[in-house]
Amino acid sequence: VLAIPDINQILIKNKRGRLLPFGI
């Protein structure tokens, strides 16, 4: 079994999906 943390809770704040400069 594999479960992963729901990183969408963070990505939802990253409006255009960019990791840089602040998303990472």
PDB file of all heavy atoms in Angstrom:
ATOM      1  N   VAL A   1       0.860  -1.172   0.000  1.00  0.00           N
ATOM      2  CA  VAL A   1       0.000   0.000   0.000  1.00  0.00           C
ATOM      3  C   VAL A   1       0.900   1.227   0.000  1.00  0.00           C
ATOM      4  O   VAL A   1       1.965   1.234   0.605  1.00  0.00           O
ATOM      5  CB  VAL A   1      -0.947   0.014   1.222  1.00  0.00           C
ATOM      6  CG1 VAL A   1      -0.175   0.120   2.531  1.00  0.00           C
ATOM      7  CG2 VAL A   1      -1.962   1.151   1.106  1.00  0.00           C
ATOM      8  N   LEU A   2       0.473   2.244  -0.726  1.00  0.00           N
ATOM      9  CA  LEU A   2       1.227   3.492  -0.786  1.00  0.00           C
ATOM     10  C   LEU A   2       0.285   4.662  -0.571  1.00  0.00           C
ATOM     11  O   LEU A   2      -0.735   4.791  -1.263  1.00  0.00           O
ATOM     12  CB  LEU A   2       1.913   3.646  -2.146  1.00  0.00           C
ATOM     13  CG  LEU A   2       2.542   5.028  -2.442  1.00  0.00           C
ATOM     14  CD1 LEU A   2       3.677   5.323  -1.462  1.00  0.00           C
ATOM     15  CD2 LEU A   2       3.046   5.100  -3.883  1.00  0.00           C
ATOM     16  N   ALA A   3       0.604   5.498   0.398  1.00  0.00           N
ATOM     17  CA  ALA A   3      -0.115   6.750   0.618  1.00  0.00           C
ATOM     18  C   ALA A   3       0.889   7.893   0.545  1.00  0.00           C
ATOM     19  O   ALA A   3       2.035   7.756   0.979  1.00  0.00           O
ATOM     20  CB  ALA A   3      -0.821   6.738   1.976  1.00  0.00           C
ATOM     21  N   ILE A   4       0.452   9.001  -0.016  1.00  0.00           N
ATOM     22  CA  ILE A   4       1.330  10.167  -0.145  1.00  0.00           C
ATOM     23  C   ILE A   4       0.657  11.362   0.513  1.00  0.00           C
ATOM     24  O   ILE A   4      -0.573  11.438   0.591  1.00  0.00           O
ATOM     25  CB  ILE A   4       1.639  10.485  -1.625  1.00  0.00           C
ATOM     26  CG1 ILE A   4       0.349  10.746  -2.427  1.00  0.00           C
ATOM     27  CG2 ILE A   4       2.452   9.355  -2.254  1.00  0.00           C
ATOM     28  CD1 ILE A   4       0.585  11.197  -3.854  1.00  0.00           C
ATOM     29  N   PRO A   5       1.440  12.315   1.005  1.00  0.00           N
ATOM     30  CA  PRO A   5       0.842  13.532   1.568  1.00  0.00           C
ATOM     31  C   PRO A   5       0.131  14.322   0.480  1.00  0.00           C
ATOM     32  O   PRO A   5       0.576  14.350  -0.668  1.00  0.00           O
ATOM     33  CB  PRO A   5       2.048  14.290   2.126  1.00  0.00           C
ATOM     34  CG  PRO A   5       3.228  13.774   1.372  1.00  0.00           C
ATOM     35  CD  PRO A   5       2.923  12.340   1.064  1.00  0.00           C
ATOM     36  N   ASP A   6      -0.963  14.943   0.836  1.00  0.00           N
ATOM     37  CA  ASP A   6      -1.739  15.714  -0.131  1.00  0.00           C
ATOM     38  C   ASP A   6      -1.058  17.061  -0.377  1.00  0.00           C
ATOM     39  O   ASP A   6      -1.451  18.088   0.194  1.00  0.00           O
ATOM     40  CB  ASP A   6      -3.164  15.918   0.371  1.00  0.00           C
ATOM     41  CG  ASP A   6      -4.003  16.739  -0.598  1.00  0.00           C
ATOM     42  OD1 ASP A   6      -3.628  16.770  -1.799  1.00  0.00           O
ATOM     43  OD2 ASP A   6      -4.996  17.356  -0.163  1.00  0.00           O
ATOM     44  N   ILE A   7      -0.058  17.035  -1.254  1.00  0.00           N
ATOM     45  CA  ILE A   7       0.697  18.263  -1.526  1.00  0.00           C
ATOM     46  C   ILE A   7      -0.151  19.311  -2.244  1.00  0.00           C
ATOM     47  O   ILE A   7       0.257  20.462  -2.359  1.00  0.00           O
ATOM     48  CB  ILE A   7       1.977  17.981  -2.346  1.00  0.00           C
ATOM     49  CG1 ILE A   7       1.640  17.347  -3.705  1.00  0.00           C
ATOM     50  CG2 ILE A   7       2.938  17.113  -1.551  1.00  0.00           C
ATOM     51  CD1 ILE A   7       2.834  17.264  -4.633  1.00  0.00           C
ATOM     52  N   ASN A   8      -1.360  18.928  -2.684  1.00  0.00           N
ATOM     53  CA  ASN A   8      -2.249  19.924  -3.285  1.00  0.00           C
ATOM     54  C   ASN A   8      -2.636  21.012  -2.290  1.00  0.00           C
ATOM     55  O   ASN A   8      -3.017  22.116  -2.686  1.00  0.00           O
ATOM     56  CB  ASN A   8      -3.512  19.259  -3.842  1.00  0.00           C
ATOM     57  CG  ASN A   8      -3.295  18.676  -5.229  1.00  0.00           C
ATOM     58  OD1 ASN A   8      -2.160  18.623  -5.709  1.00  0.00           O
ATOM     59  ND2 ASN A   8      -4.354  18.245  -5.872  1.00  0.00           N
ATOM     60  N   GLN A   9      -2.550  20.710  -1.000  1.00  0.00           N
ATOM     61  CA  GLN A   9      -2.813  21.724   0.012  1.00  0.00           C
ATOM     62  C   GLN A   9      -1.814  22.876  -0.091  1.00  0.00           C
ATOM     63  O   GLN A   9      -2.115  24.006   0.307  1.00  0.00           O
ATOM     64  CB  GLN A   9      -2.772  21.113   1.412  1.00  0.00           C
ATOM     65  CG  GLN A   9      -3.894  20.145   1.695  1.00  0.00           C
ATOM     66  CD  GLN A   9      -3.869  19.616   3.122  1.00  0.00           C
ATOM     67  OE1 GLN A   9      -3.070  20.041   3.946  1.00  0.00           O
ATOM     68  NE2 GLN A   9      -4.759  18.685   3.426  1.00  0.00           N
ATOM     69  N   ILE A  10      -0.636  22.577  -0.639  1.00  0.00           N
ATOM     70  CA  ILE A  10       0.381  23.615  -0.856  1.00  0.00           C
ATOM     71  C   ILE A  10       0.272  24.175  -2.270  1.00  0.00           C
ATOM     72  O   ILE A  10       0.309  25.390  -2.478  1.00  0.00           O
ATOM     73  CB  ILE A  10       1.795  23.034  -0.622  1.00  0.00           C
ATOM     74  CG1 ILE A  10       1.918  22.502   0.805  1.00  0.00           C
ATOM     75  CG2 ILE A  10       2.866  24.091  -0.889  1.00  0.00           C
ATOM     76  CD1 ILE A  10       3.190  21.725   1.060  1.00  0.00           C
ATOM     77  N   LEU A  11       0.118  23.286  -3.245  1.00  0.00           N
ATOM     78  CA  LEU A  11       0.116  23.717  -4.649  1.00  0.00           C
ATOM     79  C   LEU A  11      -1.059  24.635  -4.979  1.00  0.00           C
ATOM     80  O   LEU A  11      -0.968  25.428  -5.908  1.00  0.00           O
ATOM     81  CB  LEU A  11       0.088  22.489  -5.570  1.00  0.00           C
ATOM     82  CG  LEU A  11       1.298  21.546  -5.492  1.00  0.00           C
ATOM     83  CD1 LEU A  11       1.128  20.393  -6.460  1.00  0.00           C
ATOM     84  CD2 LEU A  11       2.593  22.290  -5.761  1.00  0.00           C
ATOM     85  N   ILE A  12      -2.150  24.537  -4.231  1.00  0.00           N
ATOM     86  CA  ILE A  12      -3.310  25.374  -4.505  1.00  0.00           C
ATOM     87  C   ILE A  12      -2.985  26.857  -4.331  1.00  0.00           C
ATOM     88  O   ILE A  12      -3.648  27.725  -4.893  1.00  0.00           O
ATOM     89  CB  ILE A  12      -4.502  24.962  -3.605  1.00  0.00           C
ATOM     90  CG1 ILE A  12      -5.810  25.514  -4.170  1.00  0.00           C
ATOM     91  CG2 ILE A  12      -4.286  25.411  -2.160  1.00  0.00           C
ATOM     92  CD1 ILE A  12      -7.053  24.963  -3.500  1.00  0.00           C
ATOM     93  N   LYS A  13      -1.929  27.147  -3.573  1.00  0.00           N
ATOM     94  CA  LYS A  13      -1.515  28.535  -3.348  1.00  0.00           C
ATOM     95  C   LYS A  13      -0.558  29.032  -4.435  1.00  0.00           C
ATOM     96  O   LYS A  13      -0.223  30.210  -4.476  1.00  0.00           O
ATOM     97  CB  LYS A  13      -0.830  28.652  -1.983  1.00  0.00           C
ATOM     98  CG  LYS A  13      -1.670  28.140  -0.816  1.00  0.00           C
ATOM     99  CD  LYS A  13      -0.829  28.042   0.444  1.00  0.00           C
ATOM    100  CE  LYS A  13      -1.592  27.365   1.565  1.00  0.00           C
ATOM    101  NZ  LYS A  13      -0.749  27.169   2.781  1.00  0.00           N
ATOM    102  N   ASN A  14      -0.132  28.111  -5.289  1.00  0.00           N
ATOM    103  CA  ASN A  14       0.878  28.417  -6.302  1.00  0.00           C
ATOM    104  C   ASN A  14       0.172  28.585  -7.644  1.00  0.00           C
ATOM    105  O   ASN A  14       0.115  27.669  -8.456  1.00  0.00           O
ATOM    106  CB  ASN A  14       1.890  27.266  -6.353  1.00  0.00           C
ATOM    107  CG  ASN A  14       3.173  27.654  -7.027  1.00  0.00           C
ATOM    108  OD1 ASN A  14       3.484  28.833  -7.140  1.00  0.00           O
ATOM    109  ND2 ASN A  14       3.918  26.668  -7.475  1.00  0.00           N
ATOM    110  N   LYS A  15      -0.374  29.762  -7.892  1.00  0.00           N
ATOM    111  CA  LYS A  15      -1.416  29.956  -8.888  1.00  0.00           C
ATOM    112  C   LYS A  15      -1.078  29.543 -10.315  1.00  0.00           C
ATOM    113  O   LYS A  15      -1.960  29.191 -11.079  1.00  0.00           O
ATOM    114  CB  LYS A  15      -1.882  31.417  -8.863  1.00  0.00           C
ATOM    115  CG  LYS A  15      -2.619  31.791  -7.579  1.00  0.00           C
ATOM    116  CD  LYS A  15      -3.781  30.833  -7.311  1.00  0.00           C
ATOM    117  CE  LYS A  15      -4.511  31.136  -6.021  1.00  0.00           C
ATOM    118  NZ  LYS A  15      -5.571  30.147  -5.723  1.00  0.00           N
ATOM    119  N   ARG A  16       0.146  29.575 -10.735  1.00  0.00           N
ATOM    120  CA  ARG A  16       0.464  29.173 -12.110  1.00  0.00           C
ATOM    121  C   ARG A  16       1.434  27.990 -12.172  1.00  0.00           C
ATOM    122  O   ARG A  16       2.057  27.732 -13.192  1.00  0.00           O
ATOM    123  CB  ARG A  16       0.998  30.359 -12.918  1.00  0.00           C
ATOM    124  CG  ARG A  16      -0.037  31.468 -13.070  1.00  0.00           C
ATOM    125  CD  ARG A  16       0.374  32.516 -14.072  1.00  0.00           C
ATOM    126  NE  ARG A  16       0.318  32.045 -15.457  1.00  0.00           N
ATOM    127  CZ  ARG A  16      -0.794  31.971 -16.185  1.00  0.00           C
ATOM    128  NH1 ARG A  16      -1.963  32.307 -15.665  1.00  0.00           N
ATOM    129  NH2 ARG A  16      -0.756  31.569 -17.432  1.00  0.00           N
ATOM    130  N   GLY A  17       1.542  27.279 -11.060  1.00  0.00           N
ATOM    131  CA  GLY A  17       2.289  26.034 -11.064  1.00  0.00           C
ATOM    132  C   GLY A  17       3.796  26.161 -11.108  1.00  0.00           C
ATOM    133  O   GLY A  17       4.496  25.167 -11.328  1.00  0.00           O
ATOM    134  N   ARG A  18       4.315  27.366 -10.905  1.00  0.00           N
ATOM    135  CA  ARG A  18       5.771  27.539 -10.949  1.00  0.00           C
ATOM    136  C   ARG A  18       6.382  27.265  -9.588  1.00  0.00           C
ATOM    137  O   ARG A  18       5.875  27.725  -8.562  1.00  0.00           O
ATOM    138  CB  ARG A  18       6.137  28.973 -11.374  1.00  0.00           C
ATOM    139  CG  ARG A  18       6.363  29.190 -12.860  1.00  0.00           C
ATOM    140  CD  ARG A  18       5.196  28.810 -13.709  1.00  0.00           C
ATOM    141  NE  ARG A  18       5.382  29.201 -15.111  1.00  0.00           N
ATOM    142  CZ  ARG A  18       4.441  29.068 -16.014  1.00  0.00           C
ATOM    143  NH1 ARG A  18       3.258  28.569 -15.688  1.00  0.00           N
ATOM    144  NH2 ARG A  18       4.662  29.433 -17.266  1.00  0.00           N
ATOM    145  N   LEU A  19       7.492  26.533  -9.585  1.00  0.00           N
ATOM    146  CA  LEU A  19       8.204  26.272  -8.338  1.00  0.00           C
ATOM    147  C   LEU A  19       9.131  27.418  -7.964  1.00  0.00           C
ATOM    148  O   LEU A  19       9.533  27.547  -6.808  1.00  0.00           O
ATOM    149  CB  LEU A  19       9.016  24.978  -8.456  1.00  0.00           C
ATOM    150  CG  LEU A  19       8.192  23.684  -8.471  1.00  0.00           C
ATOM    151  CD1 LEU A  19       9.112  22.483  -8.625  1.00  0.00           C
ATOM    152  CD2 LEU A  19       7.351  23.541  -7.215  1.00  0.00           C
ATOM    153  N   LEU A  20       9.498  28.228  -8.952  1.00  0.00           N
ATOM    154  CA  LEU A  20      10.398  29.346  -8.686  1.00  0.00           C
ATOM    155  C   LEU A  20       9.650  30.660  -8.901  1.00  0.00           C
ATOM    156  O   LEU A  20       8.788  30.749  -9.773  1.00  0.00           O
ATOM    157  CB  LEU A  20      11.626  29.267  -9.604  1.00  0.00           C
ATOM    158  CG  LEU A  20      12.502  28.030  -9.434  1.00  0.00           C
ATOM    159  CD1 LEU A  20      13.591  28.015 -10.513  1.00  0.00           C
ATOM    160  CD2 LEU A  20      13.123  27.973  -8.061  1.00  0.00           C
ATOM    161  N   PRO A  21       9.940  31.702  -8.097  1.00  0.00           N
ATOM    162  CA  PRO A  21      10.986  31.717  -7.075  1.00  0.00           C
ATOM    163  C   PRO A  21      10.545  31.221  -5.696  1.00  0.00           C
ATOM    164  O   PRO A  21      11.373  30.894  -4.854  1.00  0.00           O
ATOM    165  CB  PRO A  21      11.349  33.200  -7.000  1.00  0.00           C
ATOM    166  CG  PRO A  21      10.061  33.893  -7.308  1.00  0.00           C
ATOM    167  CD  PRO A  21       9.368  33.035  -8.327  1.00  0.00           C
ATOM    168  N   PHE A  22       9.201  31.147  -5.431  1.00  0.00           N
ATOM    169  CA  PHE A  22       8.773  30.872  -4.067  1.00  0.00           C
ATOM    170  C   PHE A  22       8.099  29.519  -3.870  1.00  0.00           C
ATOM    171  O   PHE A  22       7.981  29.034  -2.748  1.00  0.00           O
ATOM    172  CB  PHE A  22       7.816  31.975  -3.594  1.00  0.00           C
ATOM    173  CG  PHE A  22       8.397  33.361  -3.688  1.00  0.00           C
ATOM    174  CD1 PHE A  22       7.842  34.293  -4.544  1.00  0.00           C
ATOM    175  CD2 PHE A  22       9.510  33.703  -2.937  1.00  0.00           C
ATOM    176  CE1 PHE A  22       8.372  35.565  -4.642  1.00  0.00           C
ATOM    177  CE2 PHE A  22      10.048  34.977  -3.036  1.00  0.00           C
ATOM    178  CZ  PHE A  22       9.484  35.912  -3.882  1.00  0.00           C
ATOM    179  N   GLY A  23       7.650  28.898  -4.976  1.00  0.00           N
ATOM    180  CA  GLY A  23       6.917  27.646  -4.845  1.00  0.00           C
ATOM    181  C   GLY A  23       7.700  26.543  -4.177  1.00  0.00           C
ATOM    182  O   GLY A  23       7.164  25.770  -3.380  1.00  0.00           O
ATOM    183  N   ILE A  24       8.971  26.443  -4.481  1.00  0.00           N
ATOM    184  CA  ILE A  24       9.802  25.383  -3.891  1.00  0.00           C
ATOM    185  C   ILE A  24       9.911  25.543  -2.389  1.00  0.00           C
ATOM    186  O   ILE A  24       9.957  24.560  -1.642  1.00  0.00           O
ATOM    187  CB  ILE A  24      11.215  25.370  -4.549  1.00  0.00           C
ATOM    188  CG1 ILE A  24      11.997  24.137  -4.106  1.00  0.00           C
ATOM    189  CG2 ILE A  24      11.976  26.658  -4.248  1.00  0.00           C
ATOM    190  CD1 ILE A  24      11.433  22.844  -4.618  1.00  0.00           C
TER     191      ILE A  24
END
